[in-house]
Amino acid sequence: MGLGDLYVVLGEARPAAKGGSAWLVRAYVNPWARLIFAGPILMALGGALSLSDGRLRLAAGPVGAPARARPGPAE
């Protein structure tokens, strides 16, 4: 467990048994917190992969494909 997975929260002051005050402190362990960064990294890798494929460009047609004929007027 790394220190990045431990969260310490300081809460409100509460009256103590001997007339003073005590603070409420809670500690949370969240081992899945590092996966917050996995989503954007996975999306960036998918975007880079999709940009690397030259077949899917809009301006370029398939390699070796004949040019499309313009449609004529309807009769």
PDB file of N, CA and C in Angstrom:
ATOM      1  N   MET A   1       0.852  -1.180   0.000  1.00  0.00           N
ATOM      2  CA  MET A   1       0.000   0.000   0.000  1.00  0.00           C
ATOM      3  C   MET A   1       0.896   1.240   0.000  1.00  0.00           C
ATOM      4  N   GLY A   2       0.702   2.099  -0.969  1.00  0.00           N
ATOM      5  CA  GLY A   2       1.462   3.336  -1.034  1.00  0.00           C
ATOM      6  C   GLY A   2       0.774   4.442  -0.255  1.00  0.00           C
ATOM      7  N   LEU A   3       1.486   5.536  -0.066  1.00  0.00           N
ATOM      8  CA  LEU A   3       0.891   6.661   0.664  1.00  0.00           C
ATOM      9  C   LEU A   3      -0.175   7.360  -0.163  1.00  0.00           C
ATOM     10  N   GLY A   4      -0.192   7.165  -1.466  1.00  0.00           N
ATOM     11  CA  GLY A   4      -1.204   7.787  -2.308  1.00  0.00           C
ATOM     12  C   GLY A   4      -2.584   7.184  -2.109  1.00  0.00           C
ATOM     13  N   ASP A   5      -2.657   6.037  -1.495  1.00  0.00           N
ATOM     14  CA  ASP A   5      -3.930   5.357  -1.290  1.00  0.00           C
ATOM     15  C   ASP A   5      -4.541   5.636   0.079  1.00  0.00           C
ATOM     16  N   LEU A   6      -3.874   6.385   0.919  1.00  0.00           N
ATOM     17  CA  LEU A   6      -4.351   6.657   2.275  1.00  0.00           C
ATOM     18  C   LEU A   6      -4.809   8.113   2.366  1.00  0.00           C
ATOM     19  N   TYR A   7      -6.047   8.301   2.802  1.00  0.00           N
ATOM     20  CA  TYR A   7      -6.616   9.636   2.949  1.00  0.00           C
ATOM     21  C   TYR A   7      -6.964   9.859   4.409  1.00  0.00           C
ATOM     22  N   VAL A   8      -6.479  10.965   4.966  1.00  0.00           N
ATOM     23  CA  VAL A   8      -6.781  11.327   6.346  1.00  0.00           C
ATOM     24  C   VAL A   8      -7.638  12.582   6.307  1.00  0.00           C
ATOM     25  N   VAL A   9      -8.795  12.527   6.971  1.00  0.00           N
ATOM     26  CA  VAL A   9      -9.754  13.628   6.954  1.00  0.00           C
ATOM     27  C   VAL A   9      -9.914  14.155   8.370  1.00  0.00           C
ATOM     28  N   LEU A  10      -9.733  15.465   8.510  1.00  0.00           N
ATOM     29  CA  LEU A  10      -9.919  16.115   9.801  1.00  0.00           C
ATOM     30  C   LEU A  10     -11.345  16.640   9.858  1.00  0.00           C
ATOM     31  N   GLY A  11     -12.101  16.158  10.838  1.00  0.00           N
ATOM     32  CA  GLY A  11     -13.505  16.533  10.965  1.00  0.00           C
ATOM     33  C   GLY A  11     -13.712  17.666  11.949  1.00  0.00           C
ATOM     34  N   GLU A  12     -14.875  17.681  12.539  1.00  0.00           N
ATOM     35  CA  GLU A  12     -15.243  18.785  13.446  1.00  0.00           C
ATOM     36  C   GLU A  12     -14.746  18.519  14.865  1.00  0.00           C
ATOM     37  N   ALA A  13     -14.735  19.586  15.643  1.00  0.00           N
ATOM     38  CA  ALA A  13     -14.351  19.478  17.051  1.00  0.00           C
ATOM     39  C   ALA A  13     -15.555  18.961  17.847  1.00  0.00           C
ATOM     40  N   ARG A  14     -15.272  18.080  18.780  1.00  0.00           N
ATOM     41  CA  ARG A  14     -16.332  17.521  19.637  1.00  0.00           C
ATOM     42  C   ARG A  14     -15.931  17.730  21.099  1.00  0.00           C
ATOM     43  N   PRO A  15     -16.910  17.867  21.942  1.00  0.00           N
ATOM     44  CA  PRO A  15     -16.569  18.013  23.373  1.00  0.00           C
ATOM     45  C   PRO A  15     -15.987  16.710  23.919  1.00  0.00           C
ATOM     46  N   ALA A  16     -14.896  16.842  24.666  1.00  0.00           N
ATOM     47  CA  ALA A  16     -14.244  15.670  25.249  1.00  0.00           C
ATOM     48  C   ALA A  16     -14.840  15.389  26.629  1.00  0.00           C
ATOM     49  N   ALA A  17     -14.495  14.249  27.185  1.00  0.00           N
ATOM     50  CA  ALA A  17     -15.049  13.828  28.473  1.00  0.00           C
ATOM     51  C   ALA A  17     -14.540  14.696  29.628  1.00  0.00           C
ATOM     52  N   LYS A  18     -13.349  15.262  29.534  1.00  0.00           N
ATOM     53  CA  LYS A  18     -12.767  16.027  30.636  1.00  0.00           C
ATOM     54  C   LYS A  18     -12.929  17.528  30.458  1.00  0.00           C
ATOM     55  N   GLY A  19     -13.877  17.960  29.688  1.00  0.00           N
ATOM     56  CA  GLY A  19     -14.158  19.376  29.555  1.00  0.00           C
ATOM     57  C   GLY A  19     -13.465  20.066  28.402  1.00  0.00           C
ATOM     58  N   GLY A  20     -12.491  19.451  27.779  1.00  0.00           N
ATOM     59  CA  GLY A  20     -11.788  20.061  26.645  1.00  0.00           C
ATOM     60  C   GLY A  20     -12.517  19.754  25.336  1.00  0.00           C
ATOM     61  N   SER A  21     -11.788  19.806  24.280  1.00  0.00           N
ATOM     62  CA  SER A  21     -12.373  19.458  22.985  1.00  0.00           C
ATOM     63  C   SER A  21     -11.471  18.445  22.286  1.00  0.00           C
ATOM     64  N   ALA A  22     -12.064  17.636  21.483  1.00  0.00           N
ATOM     65  CA  ALA A  22     -11.338  16.631  20.712  1.00  0.00           C
ATOM     66  C   ALA A  22     -11.758  16.754  19.251  1.00  0.00           C
ATOM     67  N   TRP A  23     -10.861  16.420  18.362  1.00  0.00           N
ATOM     68  CA  TRP A  23     -11.138  16.495  16.934  1.00  0.00           C
ATOM     69  C   TRP A  23     -11.420  15.105  16.391  1.00  0.00           C
ATOM     70  N   LEU A  24     -12.371  15.055  15.496  1.00  0.00           N
ATOM     71  CA  LEU A  24     -12.715  13.804  14.839  1.00  0.00           C
ATOM     72  C   LEU A  24     -11.778  13.612  13.648  1.00  0.00           C
ATOM     73  N   VAL A  25     -11.039  12.510  13.635  1.00  0.00           N
ATOM     74  CA  VAL A  25     -10.097  12.207  12.560  1.00  0.00           C
ATOM     75  C   VAL A  25     -10.464  10.850  11.987  1.00  0.00           C
ATOM     76  N   ARG A  26     -10.581  10.797  10.658  1.00  0.00           N
ATOM     77  CA  ARG A  26     -10.883   9.532   9.993  1.00  0.00           C
ATOM     78  C   ARG A  26      -9.811   9.249   8.959  1.00  0.00           C
ATOM     79  N   ALA A  27      -9.462   7.985   8.812  1.00  0.00           N
ATOM     80  CA  ALA A  27      -8.483   7.561   7.805  1.00  0.00           C
ATOM     81  C   ALA A  27      -9.171   6.575   6.865  1.00  0.00           C
ATOM     82  N   TYR A  28      -9.023   6.816   5.564  1.00  0.00           N
ATOM     83  CA  TYR A  28      -9.621   5.960   4.544  1.00  0.00           C
ATOM     84  C   TYR A  28      -8.515   5.371   3.684  1.00  0.00           C
ATOM     85  N   VAL A  29      -8.641   4.103   3.353  1.00  0.00           N
ATOM     86  CA  VAL A  29      -7.717   3.444   2.439  1.00  0.00           C
ATOM     87  C   VAL A  29      -8.505   3.143   1.169  1.00  0.00           C
ATOM     88  N   ASN A  30      -8.015   3.664   0.034  1.00  0.00           N
ATOM     89  CA  ASN A  30      -8.681   3.454  -1.243  1.00  0.00           C
ATOM     90  C   ASN A  30      -7.665   2.903  -2.242  1.00  0.00           C
ATOM     91  N   PRO A  31      -7.574   1.578  -2.381  1.00  0.00           N
ATOM     92  CA  PRO A  31      -6.573   1.000  -3.283  1.00  0.00           C
ATOM     93  C   PRO A  31      -6.892   1.211  -4.758  1.00  0.00           C
ATOM     94  N   TRP A  32      -8.095   1.620  -5.110  1.00  0.00           N
ATOM     95  CA  TRP A  32      -8.483   1.803  -6.508  1.00  0.00           C
ATOM     96  C   TRP A  32      -8.282   3.235  -6.986  1.00  0.00           C
ATOM     97  N   ALA A  33      -7.730   4.119  -6.171  1.00  0.00           N
ATOM     98  CA  ALA A  33      -7.586   5.528  -6.531  1.00  0.00           C
ATOM     99  C   ALA A  33      -6.655   5.723  -7.717  1.00  0.00           C
ATOM    100  N   ARG A  34      -5.678   4.881  -7.874  1.00  0.00           N
ATOM    101  CA  ARG A  34      -4.745   5.026  -8.999  1.00  0.00           C
ATOM    102  C   ARG A  34      -5.400   4.716 -10.333  1.00  0.00           C
ATOM    103  N   LEU A  35      -6.493   3.998 -10.331  1.00  0.00           N
ATOM    104  CA  LEU A  35      -7.173   3.676 -11.588  1.00  0.00           C
ATOM    105  C   LEU A  35      -7.919   4.874 -12.169  1.00  0.00           C
ATOM    106  N   ILE A  36      -7.997   5.977 -11.426  1.00  0.00           N
ATOM    107  CA  ILE A  36      -8.611   7.195 -11.953  1.00  0.00           C
ATOM    108  C   ILE A  36      -7.861   7.647 -13.196  1.00  0.00           C
ATOM    109  N   PHE A  37      -6.550   7.453 -13.220  1.00  0.00           N
ATOM    110  CA  PHE A  37      -5.722   7.885 -14.334  1.00  0.00           C
ATOM    111  C   PHE A  37      -5.700   6.866 -15.469  1.00  0.00           C
ATOM    112  N   ALA A  38      -6.189   5.666 -15.254  1.00  0.00           N
ATOM    113  CA  ALA A  38      -6.159   4.641 -16.299  1.00  0.00           C
ATOM    114  C   ALA A  38      -7.136   4.969 -17.429  1.00  0.00           C
ATOM    115  N   GLY A  39      -8.274   5.573 -17.125  1.00  0.00           N
ATOM    116  CA  GLY A  39      -9.253   5.903 -18.162  1.00  0.00           C
ATOM    117  C   GLY A  39      -8.733   6.891 -19.186  1.00  0.00           C
ATOM    118  N   PRO A  40      -8.209   8.057 -18.773  1.00  0.00           N
ATOM    119  CA  PRO A  40      -7.667   8.989 -19.761  1.00  0.00           C
ATOM    120  C   PRO A  40      -6.468   8.433 -20.529  1.00  0.00           C
ATOM    121  N   ILE A  41      -5.636   7.643 -19.884  1.00  0.00           N
ATOM    122  CA  ILE A  41      -4.494   7.048 -20.583  1.00  0.00           C
ATOM    123  C   ILE A  41      -4.983   6.067 -21.637  1.00  0.00           C
ATOM    124  N   LEU A  42      -5.976   5.263 -21.303  1.00  0.00           N
ATOM    125  CA  LEU A  42      -6.538   4.313 -22.258  1.00  0.00           C
ATOM    126  C   LEU A  42      -7.197   5.029 -23.432  1.00  0.00           C
ATOM    127  N   MET A  43      -7.895   6.148 -23.173  1.00  0.00           N
ATOM    128  CA  MET A  43      -8.507   6.914 -24.259  1.00  0.00           C
ATOM    129  C   MET A  43      -7.448   7.542 -25.154  1.00  0.00           C
ATOM    130  N   ALA A  44      -6.354   8.033 -24.576  1.00  0.00           N
ATOM    131  CA  ALA A  44      -5.281   8.622 -25.381  1.00  0.00           C
ATOM    132  C   ALA A  44      -4.618   7.561 -26.258  1.00  0.00           C
ATOM    133  N   LEU A  45      -4.410   6.371 -25.725  1.00  0.00           N
ATOM    134  CA  LEU A  45      -3.837   5.294 -26.530  1.00  0.00           C
ATOM    135  C   LEU A  45      -4.771   4.893 -27.665  1.00  0.00           C
ATOM    136  N   GLY A  46      -6.061   4.838 -27.393  1.00  0.00           N
ATOM    137  CA  GLY A  46      -7.023   4.530 -28.443  1.00  0.00           C
ATOM    138  C   GLY A  46      -7.064   5.596 -29.521  1.00  0.00           C
ATOM    139  N   GLY A  47      -6.965   6.873 -29.132  1.00  0.00           N
ATOM    140  CA  GLY A  47      -6.932   7.959 -30.110  1.00  0.00           C
ATOM    141  C   GLY A  47      -5.684   7.900 -30.966  1.00  0.00           C
ATOM    142  N   ALA A  48      -4.529   7.623 -30.366  1.00  0.00           N
ATOM    143  CA  ALA A  48      -3.287   7.503 -31.125  1.00  0.00           C
ATOM    144  C   ALA A  48      -3.344   6.312 -32.077  1.00  0.00           C
ATOM    145  N   LEU A  49      -3.946   5.230 -31.625  1.00  0.00           N
ATOM    146  CA  LEU A  49      -4.083   4.059 -32.487  1.00  0.00           C
ATOM    147  C   LEU A  49      -4.996   4.350 -33.672  1.00  0.00           C
ATOM    148  N   SER A  50      -6.074   5.065 -33.439  1.00  0.00           N
ATOM    149  CA  SER A  50      -6.995   5.365 -34.539  1.00  0.00           C
ATOM    150  C   SER A  50      -6.376   6.351 -35.526  1.00  0.00           C
ATOM    151  N   LEU A  51      -5.530   7.263 -35.074  1.00  0.00           N
ATOM    152  CA  LEU A  51      -4.875   8.207 -35.977  1.00  0.00           C
ATOM    153  C   LEU A  51      -3.743   7.559 -36.765  1.00  0.00           C
ATOM    154  N   SER A  52      -3.207   6.458 -36.277  1.00  0.00           N
ATOM    155  CA  SER A  52      -2.097   5.806 -36.963  1.00  0.00           C
ATOM    156  C   SER A  52      -2.556   4.962 -38.146  1.00  0.00           C
ATOM    157  N   ASP A  53      -3.831   4.663 -38.262  1.00  0.00           N
ATOM    158  CA  ASP A  53      -4.347   3.837 -39.351  1.00  0.00           C
ATOM    159  C   ASP A  53      -4.685   4.732 -40.542  1.00  0.00           C
ATOM    160  N   GLY A  54      -3.882   4.668 -41.600  1.00  0.00           N
ATOM    161  CA  GLY A  54      -4.066   5.517 -42.770  1.00  0.00           C
ATOM    162  C   GLY A  54      -5.265   5.145 -43.613  1.00  0.00           C
ATOM    163  N   ARG A  55      -5.814   3.954 -43.447  1.00  0.00           N
ATOM    164  CA  ARG A  55      -6.960   3.536 -44.262  1.00  0.00           C
ATOM    165  C   ARG A  55      -8.233   4.274 -43.896  1.00  0.00           C
ATOM    166  N   LEU A  56      -8.289   4.838 -42.731  1.00  0.00           N
ATOM    167  CA  LEU A  56      -9.530   5.437 -42.261  1.00  0.00           C
ATOM    168  C   LEU A  56      -9.559   6.950 -42.420  1.00  0.00           C
ATOM    169  N   ARG A  57      -8.669   7.516 -43.183  1.00  0.00           N
ATOM    170  CA  ARG A  57      -8.676   8.951 -43.436  1.00  0.00           C
ATOM    171  C   ARG A  57      -9.808   9.291 -44.384  1.00  0.00           C
ATOM    172  N   LEU A  58     -10.456  10.435 -44.172  1.00  0.00           N
ATOM    173  CA  LEU A  58     -11.590  10.824 -45.016  1.00  0.00           C
ATOM    174  C   LEU A  58     -11.137  11.283 -46.397  1.00  0.00           C
ATOM    175  N   ALA A  59     -10.011  11.971 -46.494  1.00  0.00           N
ATOM    176  CA  ALA A  59      -9.565  12.519 -47.779  1.00  0.00           C
ATOM    177  C   ALA A  59      -8.990  11.439 -48.686  1.00  0.00           C
ATOM    178  N   ALA A  60      -8.426  10.423 -48.130  1.00  0.00           N
ATOM    179  CA  ALA A  60      -7.805   9.374 -48.929  1.00  0.00           C
ATOM    180  C   ALA A  60      -8.748   8.181 -49.026  1.00  0.00           C
ATOM    181  N   GLY A  61      -8.933   7.706 -50.218  1.00  0.00           N
ATOM    182  CA  GLY A  61      -9.749   6.512 -50.428  1.00  0.00           C
ATOM    183  C   GLY A  61      -8.899   5.271 -50.254  1.00  0.00           C
ATOM    184  N   PRO A  62      -9.477   4.119 -50.468  1.00  0.00           N
ATOM    185  CA  PRO A  62      -8.708   2.885 -50.367  1.00  0.00           C
ATOM    186  C   PRO A  62      -7.632   2.835 -51.453  1.00  0.00           C
ATOM    187  N   VAL A  63      -6.530   2.206 -51.135  1.00  0.00           N
ATOM    188  CA  VAL A  63      -5.421   2.114 -52.075  1.00  0.00           C
ATOM    189  C   VAL A  63      -5.849   1.251 -53.253  1.00  0.00           C
ATOM    190  N   GLY A  64      -5.634   1.738 -54.485  1.00  0.00           N
ATOM    191  CA  GLY A  64      -5.948   0.976 -55.692  1.00  0.00           C
ATOM    192  C   GLY A  64      -7.408   1.063 -56.109  1.00  0.00           C
ATOM    193  N   ALA A  65      -8.222   1.831 -55.418  1.00  0.00           N
ATOM    194  CA  ALA A  65      -9.635   1.925 -55.783  1.00  0.00           C
ATOM    195  C   ALA A  65      -9.793   2.940 -56.911  1.00  0.00           C
ATOM    196  N   PRO A  66     -10.663   2.659 -57.880  1.00  0.00           N
ATOM    197  CA  PRO A  66     -10.875   3.619 -58.966  1.00  0.00           C
ATOM    198  C   PRO A  66     -11.621   4.850 -58.458  1.00  0.00           C
ATOM    199  N   ALA A  67     -11.432   5.959 -59.168  1.00  0.00           N
ATOM    200  CA  ALA A  67     -12.127   7.193 -58.790  1.00  0.00           C
ATOM    201  C   ALA A  67     -13.622   7.016 -59.021  1.00  0.00           C
ATOM    202  N   ARG A  68     -14.430   7.607 -58.185  1.00  0.00           N
ATOM    203  CA  ARG A  68     -15.884   7.498 -58.319  1.00  0.00           C
ATOM    204  C   ARG A  68     -16.366   8.383 -59.461  1.00  0.00           C
ATOM    205  N   ALA A  69     -17.308   7.886 -60.234  1.00  0.00           N
ATOM    206  CA  ALA A  69     -17.903   8.670 -61.311  1.00  0.00           C
ATOM    207  C   ALA A  69     -18.950   9.592 -60.749  1.00  0.00           C
ATOM    208  N   ARG A  70     -19.046  10.794 -61.314  1.00  0.00           N
ATOM    209  CA  ARG A  70     -20.063  11.735 -60.858  1.00  0.00           C
ATOM    210  C   ARG A  70     -21.415  11.261 -61.367  1.00  0.00           C
ATOM    211  N   PRO A  71     -22.408  11.340 -60.534  1.00  0.00           N
ATOM    212  CA  PRO A  71     -23.743  10.938 -61.002  1.00  0.00           C
ATOM    213  C   PRO A  71     -24.291  11.940 -62.004  1.00  0.00           C
ATOM    214  N   GLY A  72     -24.964  11.441 -63.037  1.00  0.00           N
ATOM    215  CA  GLY A  72     -25.558  12.288 -64.055  1.00  0.00           C
ATOM    216  C   GLY A  72     -26.945  12.730 -63.634  1.00  0.00           C
ATOM    217  N   PRO A  73     -27.575  13.548 -64.428  1.00  0.00           N
ATOM    218  CA  PRO A  73     -28.929  14.004 -64.110  1.00  0.00           C
ATOM    219  C   PRO A  73     -29.937  12.854 -64.193  1.00  0.00           C
ATOM    220  N   ALA A  74     -30.914  12.907 -63.372  1.00  0.00           N
ATOM    221  CA  ALA A  74     -31.947  11.869 -63.364  1.00  0.00           C
ATOM    222  C   ALA A  74     -32.852  12.047 -64.571  1.00  0.00           C
ATOM    223  N   GLU A  75     -33.291  10.970 -65.161  1.00  0.00           N
ATOM    224  CA  GLU A  75     -34.168  11.044 -66.350  1.00  0.00           C
ATOM    225  C   GLU A  75     -35.589  10.765 -66.005  1.00  0.00           C
TER     226      GLU A  75
END
